Amino acid sequence: MSNNKFAALSLALALGGLVASPAQAQTTVLDLEQAQGKTALLRSQIEETKALLELKQLQLELQKSVQEAADTQVEGAKPAARVGAGSSPAAALAEAPPQVLAIFGVDKALYASLQYPNGVRQDVRVGDEIDGGYRVRQITSNRVVLTRSGQDINLRIFSGVKSTGAR
């Protein structure tokens, strides 16, 4: 065989090993598409996990800032004392209803942290009788409804009081 024919035969054999059959090429393309799909899904899951972690961090920061706000003294008041539901801080009795500092919990298991004008705090749940002759009638994610003498009093977080009249 001449050198040219030998070189052409060698090249053909080499290319034959590199060129895949149509079935092999299709399998390779499908495998590549599946791998790319899996990679995209995994990247999406990573981004979702990062977003959930960021959300959890923001929730913790919000809870911390609410707690810090609750721990801040009311100007001119004595240092605030933590009072649990069922306690009776005589110093907390006042004509003005308390303010809502924070609302915590999930679904029906909500509780609220209230602060009286004199700085005393009290954590309450629905049904609790609290100082000033109030009963906690309802707690939602953005308000607490107290009742006293048949009159509902809506307390919104970090805002004033709105009376809604008789129940």
C-alpha atoms as a PDB file:
ATOM      1  CA  MET A   1       0.000   0.000   0.000  1.00  0.00           C
ATOM      2  CA  SER A   2       1.154   3.459  -0.719  1.00  0.00           C
ATOM      3  CA  ASN A   3       1.682   5.974   2.005  1.00  0.00           C
ATOM      4  CA  ASN A   4      -1.333   8.058   0.868  1.00  0.00           C
ATOM      5  CA  LYS A   5      -3.694   5.087   0.940  1.00  0.00           C
ATOM      6  CA  PHE A   6      -2.347   3.986   4.316  1.00  0.00           C
ATOM      7  CA  ALA A   7      -2.848   7.494   5.727  1.00  0.00           C
ATOM      8  CA  ALA A   8      -6.412   7.675   4.367  1.00  0.00           C
ATOM      9  CA  LEU A   9      -7.264   4.270   5.821  1.00  0.00           C
ATOM     10  CA  SER A  10      -5.800   5.234   9.184  1.00  0.00           C
ATOM     11  CA  LEU A  11      -7.765   8.490   9.149  1.00  0.00           C
ATOM     12  CA  ALA A  12     -10.987   6.653   8.271  1.00  0.00           C
ATOM     13  CA  LEU A  13     -10.477   4.150  11.096  1.00  0.00           C
ATOM     14  CA  ALA A  14      -9.718   6.956  13.553  1.00  0.00           C
ATOM     15  CA  LEU A  15     -12.771   8.919  12.488  1.00  0.00           C
ATOM     16  CA  GLY A  16     -14.900   5.798  12.667  1.00  0.00           C
ATOM     17  CA  GLY A  17     -14.116   5.496  16.350  1.00  0.00           C
ATOM     18  CA  LEU A  18     -14.969   9.159  16.950  1.00  0.00           C
ATOM     19  CA  VAL A  19     -18.197   9.365  14.967  1.00  0.00           C
ATOM     20  CA  ALA A  20     -21.134   7.927  16.867  1.00  0.00           C
ATOM     21  CA  SER A  21     -23.993   6.084  15.289  1.00  0.00           C
ATOM     22  CA  PRO A  22     -27.279   8.064  15.056  1.00  0.00           C
ATOM     23  CA  ALA A  23     -28.719   6.079  17.998  1.00  0.00           C
ATOM     24  CA  GLN A  24     -25.620   6.816  20.109  1.00  0.00           C
ATOM     25  CA  ALA A  25     -25.765  10.512  19.169  1.00  0.00           C
ATOM     26  CA  GLN A  26     -29.443  10.720  20.161  1.00  0.00           C
ATOM     27  CA  THR A  27     -28.742   9.022  23.509  1.00  0.00           C
ATOM     28  CA  THR A  28     -25.878  11.415  24.159  1.00  0.00           C
ATOM     29  CA  VAL A  29     -28.087  14.450  23.388  1.00  0.00           C
ATOM     30  CA  LEU A  30     -30.849  13.139  25.684  1.00  0.00           C
ATOM     31  CA  ASP A  31     -28.338  12.480  28.460  1.00  0.00           C
ATOM     32  CA  LEU A  32     -26.979  15.988  28.053  1.00  0.00           C
ATOM     33  CA  GLU A  33     -30.483  17.505  28.155  1.00  0.00           C
ATOM     34  CA  GLN A  34     -31.332  15.495  31.291  1.00  0.00           C
ATOM     35  CA  ALA A  35     -28.117  16.561  32.979  1.00  0.00           C
ATOM     36  CA  GLN A  36     -28.804  20.199  32.114  1.00  0.00           C
ATOM     37  CA  GLY A  37     -32.367  19.862  33.437  1.00  0.00           C
ATOM     38  CA  LYS A  38     -31.133  18.355  36.699  1.00  0.00           C
ATOM     39  CA  THR A  39     -28.539  21.092  37.040  1.00  0.00           C
ATOM     40  CA  ALA A  40     -31.172  23.793  36.482  1.00  0.00           C
ATOM     41  CA  LEU A  41     -33.453  22.154  39.073  1.00  0.00           C
ATOM     42  CA  LEU A  42     -30.640  21.928  41.618  1.00  0.00           C
ATOM     43  CA  ARG A  43     -29.711  25.584  41.055  1.00  0.00           C
ATOM     44  CA  SER A  44     -33.375  26.525  41.520  1.00  0.00           C
ATOM     45  CA  GLN A  45     -33.496  24.541  44.774  1.00  0.00           C
ATOM     46  CA  ILE A  46     -30.320  26.266  45.975  1.00  0.00           C
ATOM     47  CA  GLU A  47     -31.849  29.689  45.241  1.00  0.00           C
ATOM     48  CA  GLU A  48     -35.062  28.700  47.027  1.00  0.00           C
ATOM     49  CA  THR A  49     -33.090  27.536  50.066  1.00  0.00           C
ATOM     50  CA  LYS A  50     -31.113  30.790  50.085  1.00  0.00           C
ATOM     51  CA  ALA A  51     -34.363  32.792  49.898  1.00  0.00           C
ATOM     52  CA  LEU A  52     -35.880  30.786  52.778  1.00  0.00           C
ATOM     53  CA  LEU A  53     -32.769  31.364  54.867  1.00  0.00           C
ATOM     54  CA  GLU A  54     -32.916  35.105  54.111  1.00  0.00           C
ATOM     55  CA  LEU A  55     -36.597  35.156  55.106  1.00  0.00           C
ATOM     56  CA  LYS A  56     -35.856  33.372  58.380  1.00  0.00           C
ATOM     57  CA  GLN A  57     -33.027  35.828  59.097  1.00  0.00           C
ATOM     58  CA  LEU A  58     -35.322  38.789  58.401  1.00  0.00           C
ATOM     59  CA  GLN A  59     -37.984  37.305  60.693  1.00  0.00           C
ATOM     60  CA  LEU A  60     -35.415  36.897  63.464  1.00  0.00           C
ATOM     61  CA  GLU A  61     -34.186  40.472  62.958  1.00  0.00           C
ATOM     62  CA  LEU A  62     -37.776  41.774  63.052  1.00  0.00           C
ATOM     63  CA  GLN A  63     -38.526  39.828  66.203  1.00  0.00           C
ATOM     64  CA  LYS A  64     -35.329  41.164  67.773  1.00  0.00           C
ATOM     65  CA  SER A  65     -36.156  44.772  66.843  1.00  0.00           C
ATOM     66  CA  VAL A  66     -39.697  44.390  68.216  1.00  0.00           C
ATOM     67  CA  GLN A  67     -38.275  42.986  71.432  1.00  0.00           C
ATOM     68  CA  GLU A  68     -35.764  45.846  71.624  1.00  0.00           C
ATOM     69  CA  ALA A  69     -38.602  48.329  71.110  1.00  0.00           C
ATOM     70  CA  ALA A  70     -40.542  46.594  73.841  1.00  0.00           C
ATOM     71  CA  ASP A  71     -37.535  46.763  76.150  1.00  0.00           C
ATOM     72  CA  THR A  72     -37.100  50.494  75.556  1.00  0.00           C
ATOM     73  CA  GLN A  73     -38.428  52.540  78.416  1.00  0.00           C
ATOM     74  CA  VAL A  74     -41.367  54.834  77.934  1.00  0.00           C
ATOM     75  CA  GLU A  75     -40.092  58.387  78.329  1.00  0.00           C
ATOM     76  CA  GLY A  76     -40.501  59.472  81.956  1.00  0.00           C
ATOM     77  CA  ALA A  77     -41.704  56.041  83.083  1.00  0.00           C
ATOM     78  CA  LYS A  78     -40.118  53.666  85.526  1.00  0.00           C
ATOM     79  CA  PRO A  79     -38.235  50.761  83.953  1.00  0.00           C
ATOM     80  CA  ALA A  80     -40.681  48.314  82.434  1.00  0.00           C
ATOM     81  CA  ALA A  81     -41.198  45.080  84.316  1.00  0.00           C
ATOM     82  CA  ARG A  82     -42.153  41.887  82.527  1.00  0.00           C
ATOM     83  CA  VAL A  83     -45.487  40.595  83.709  1.00  0.00           C
ATOM     84  CA  GLY A  84     -47.019  37.327  82.582  1.00  0.00           C
ATOM     85  CA  ALA A  85     -50.713  36.747  81.984  1.00  0.00           C
ATOM     86  CA  GLY A  86     -52.565  36.115  85.215  1.00  0.00           C
ATOM     87  CA  SER A  87     -50.308  38.377  87.271  1.00  0.00           C
ATOM     88  CA  SER A  88     -51.803  41.470  88.789  1.00  0.00           C
ATOM     89  CA  PRO A  89     -49.461  44.475  88.693  1.00  0.00           C
ATOM     90  CA  ALA A  90     -51.399  47.035  90.724  1.00  0.00           C
ATOM     91  CA  ALA A  91     -49.175  49.788  89.321  1.00  0.00           C
ATOM     92  CA  ALA A  92     -50.392  48.965  85.819  1.00  0.00           C
ATOM     93  CA  LEU A  93     -53.959  50.011  86.519  1.00  0.00           C
ATOM     94  CA  ALA A  94     -54.826  53.068  84.496  1.00  0.00           C
ATOM     95  CA  GLU A  95     -57.800  54.563  82.694  1.00  0.00           C
ATOM     96  CA  ALA A  96     -56.070  54.400  79.315  1.00  0.00           C
ATOM     97  CA  PRO A  97     -55.899  50.936  77.731  1.00  0.00           C
ATOM     98  CA  PRO A  98     -52.502  49.409  77.024  1.00  0.00           C
ATOM     99  CA  GLN A  99     -50.724  49.613  73.671  1.00  0.00           C
ATOM    100  CA  VAL A 100     -49.785  46.592  71.571  1.00  0.00           C
ATOM    101  CA  LEU A 101     -46.017  46.163  71.387  1.00  0.00           C
ATOM    102  CA  ALA A 102     -45.935  42.910  69.471  1.00  0.00           C
ATOM    103  CA  ILE A 103     -48.054  39.988  68.349  1.00  0.00           C
ATOM    104  CA  PHE A 104     -46.452  36.556  68.235  1.00  0.00           C
ATOM    105  CA  GLY A 105     -47.513  33.035  67.348  1.00  0.00           C
ATOM    106  CA  VAL A 106     -49.171  31.182  64.499  1.00  0.00           C
ATOM    107  CA  ASP A 107     -52.817  30.814  63.459  1.00  0.00           C
ATOM    108  CA  LYS A 108     -55.031  30.372  66.545  1.00  0.00           C
ATOM    109  CA  ALA A 109     -52.046  30.280  68.942  1.00  0.00           C
ATOM    110  CA  LEU A 110     -51.415  34.040  68.939  1.00  0.00           C
ATOM    111  CA  TYR A 111     -50.416  36.042  71.961  1.00  0.00           C
ATOM    112  CA  ALA A 112     -49.711  39.725  72.371  1.00  0.00           C
ATOM    113  CA  SER A 113     -47.307  41.798  74.401  1.00  0.00           C
ATOM    114  CA  LEU A 114     -49.104  44.856  75.790  1.00  0.00           C
ATOM    115  CA  GLN A 115     -47.668  47.888  77.555  1.00  0.00           C
ATOM    116  CA  TYR A 116     -49.573  50.151  79.919  1.00  0.00           C
ATOM    117  CA  PRO A 117     -48.993  53.926  79.971  1.00  0.00           C
ATOM    118  CA  ASN A 118     -46.820  53.564  83.088  1.00  0.00           C
ATOM    119  CA  GLY A 119     -44.448  51.203  81.265  1.00  0.00           C
ATOM    120  CA  VAL A 120     -45.566  47.879  82.750  1.00  0.00           C
ATOM    121  CA  ARG A 121     -45.808  45.090  80.172  1.00  0.00           C
ATOM    122  CA  GLN A 122     -48.094  42.108  80.123  1.00  0.00           C
ATOM    123  CA  ASP A 123     -48.212  39.122  77.752  1.00  0.00           C
ATOM    124  CA  VAL A 124     -51.789  38.012  77.023  1.00  0.00           C
ATOM    125  CA  ARG A 125     -53.835  35.413  75.160  1.00  0.00           C
ATOM    126  CA  VAL A 126     -57.496  35.371  74.104  1.00  0.00           C
ATOM    127  CA  GLY A 127     -59.731  35.026  77.150  1.00  0.00           C
ATOM    128  CA  ASP A 128     -57.281  36.570  79.625  1.00  0.00           C
ATOM    129  CA  GLU A 129     -58.620  39.131  82.065  1.00  0.00           C
ATOM    130  CA  ILE A 130     -56.107  41.924  82.332  1.00  0.00           C
ATOM    131  CA  ASP A 131     -55.600  44.969  84.485  1.00  0.00           C
ATOM    132  CA  GLY A 132     -57.939  47.878  84.008  1.00  0.00           C
ATOM    133  CA  GLY A 133     -61.031  45.654  83.839  1.00  0.00           C
ATOM    134  CA  TYR A 134     -60.349  44.457  80.287  1.00  0.00           C
ATOM    135  CA  ARG A 135     -60.802  41.004  78.765  1.00  0.00           C
ATOM    136  CA  VAL A 136     -58.873  39.933  75.667  1.00  0.00           C
ATOM    137  CA  ARG A 137     -61.611  39.042  73.149  1.00  0.00           C
ATOM    138  CA  GLN A 138     -59.558  38.550  69.967  1.00  0.00           C
ATOM    139  CA  ILE A 139     -55.971  38.594  68.711  1.00  0.00           C
ATOM    140  CA  THR A 140     -55.201  38.725  64.985  1.00  0.00           C
ATOM    141  CA  SER A 141     -51.919  39.274  63.180  1.00  0.00           C
ATOM    142  CA  ASN A 142     -52.330  43.068  63.321  1.00  0.00           C
ATOM    143  CA  ARG A 143     -54.645  43.890  66.227  1.00  0.00           C
ATOM    144  CA  VAL A 144     -55.898  43.013  69.687  1.00  0.00           C
ATOM    145  CA  VAL A 145     -59.545  43.482  70.634  1.00  0.00           C
ATOM    146  CA  LEU A 146     -60.230  44.136  74.303  1.00  0.00           C
ATOM    147  CA  THR A 147     -63.665  44.395  75.835  1.00  0.00           C
ATOM    148  CA  ARG A 148     -64.690  46.322  78.942  1.00  0.00           C
ATOM    149  CA  SER A 149     -68.208  47.119  80.103  1.00  0.00           C
ATOM    150  CA  GLY A 150     -69.657  45.659  76.886  1.00  0.00           C
ATOM    151  CA  GLN A 151     -67.538  47.915  74.673  1.00  0.00           C
ATOM    152  CA  ASP A 152     -64.924  46.626  72.217  1.00  0.00           C
ATOM    153  CA  ILE A 153     -61.610  48.444  72.054  1.00  0.00           C
ATOM    154  CA  ASN A 154     -59.415  47.778  69.001  1.00  0.00           C
ATOM    155  CA  LEU A 155     -55.701  48.066  69.647  1.00  0.00           C
ATOM    156  CA  ARG A 156     -53.472  48.099  66.596  1.00  0.00           C
ATOM    157  CA  ILE A 157     -49.775  47.403  66.867  1.00  0.00           C
ATOM    158  CA  PHE A 158     -47.788  50.615  67.594  1.00  0.00           C
ATOM    159  CA  SER A 159     -50.860  52.844  67.221  1.00  0.00           C
ATOM    160  CA  GLY A 160     -53.617  54.455  69.176  1.00  0.00           C
ATOM    161  CA  VAL A 161     -56.910  53.075  70.419  1.00  0.00           C
ATOM    162  CA  LYS A 162     -60.167  52.935  68.484  1.00  0.00           C
ATOM    163  CA  SER A 163     -63.419  52.176  70.238  1.00  0.00           C
ATOM    164  CA  THR A 164     -66.055  50.329  68.226  1.00  0.00           C
ATOM    165  CA  GLY A 165     -68.972  50.694  70.623  1.00  0.00           C
ATOM    166  CA  ALA A 166     -71.064  48.014  72.277  1.00  0.00           C
ATOM    167  CA  ARG A 167     -70.718  44.406  71.144  1.00  0.00           C
END
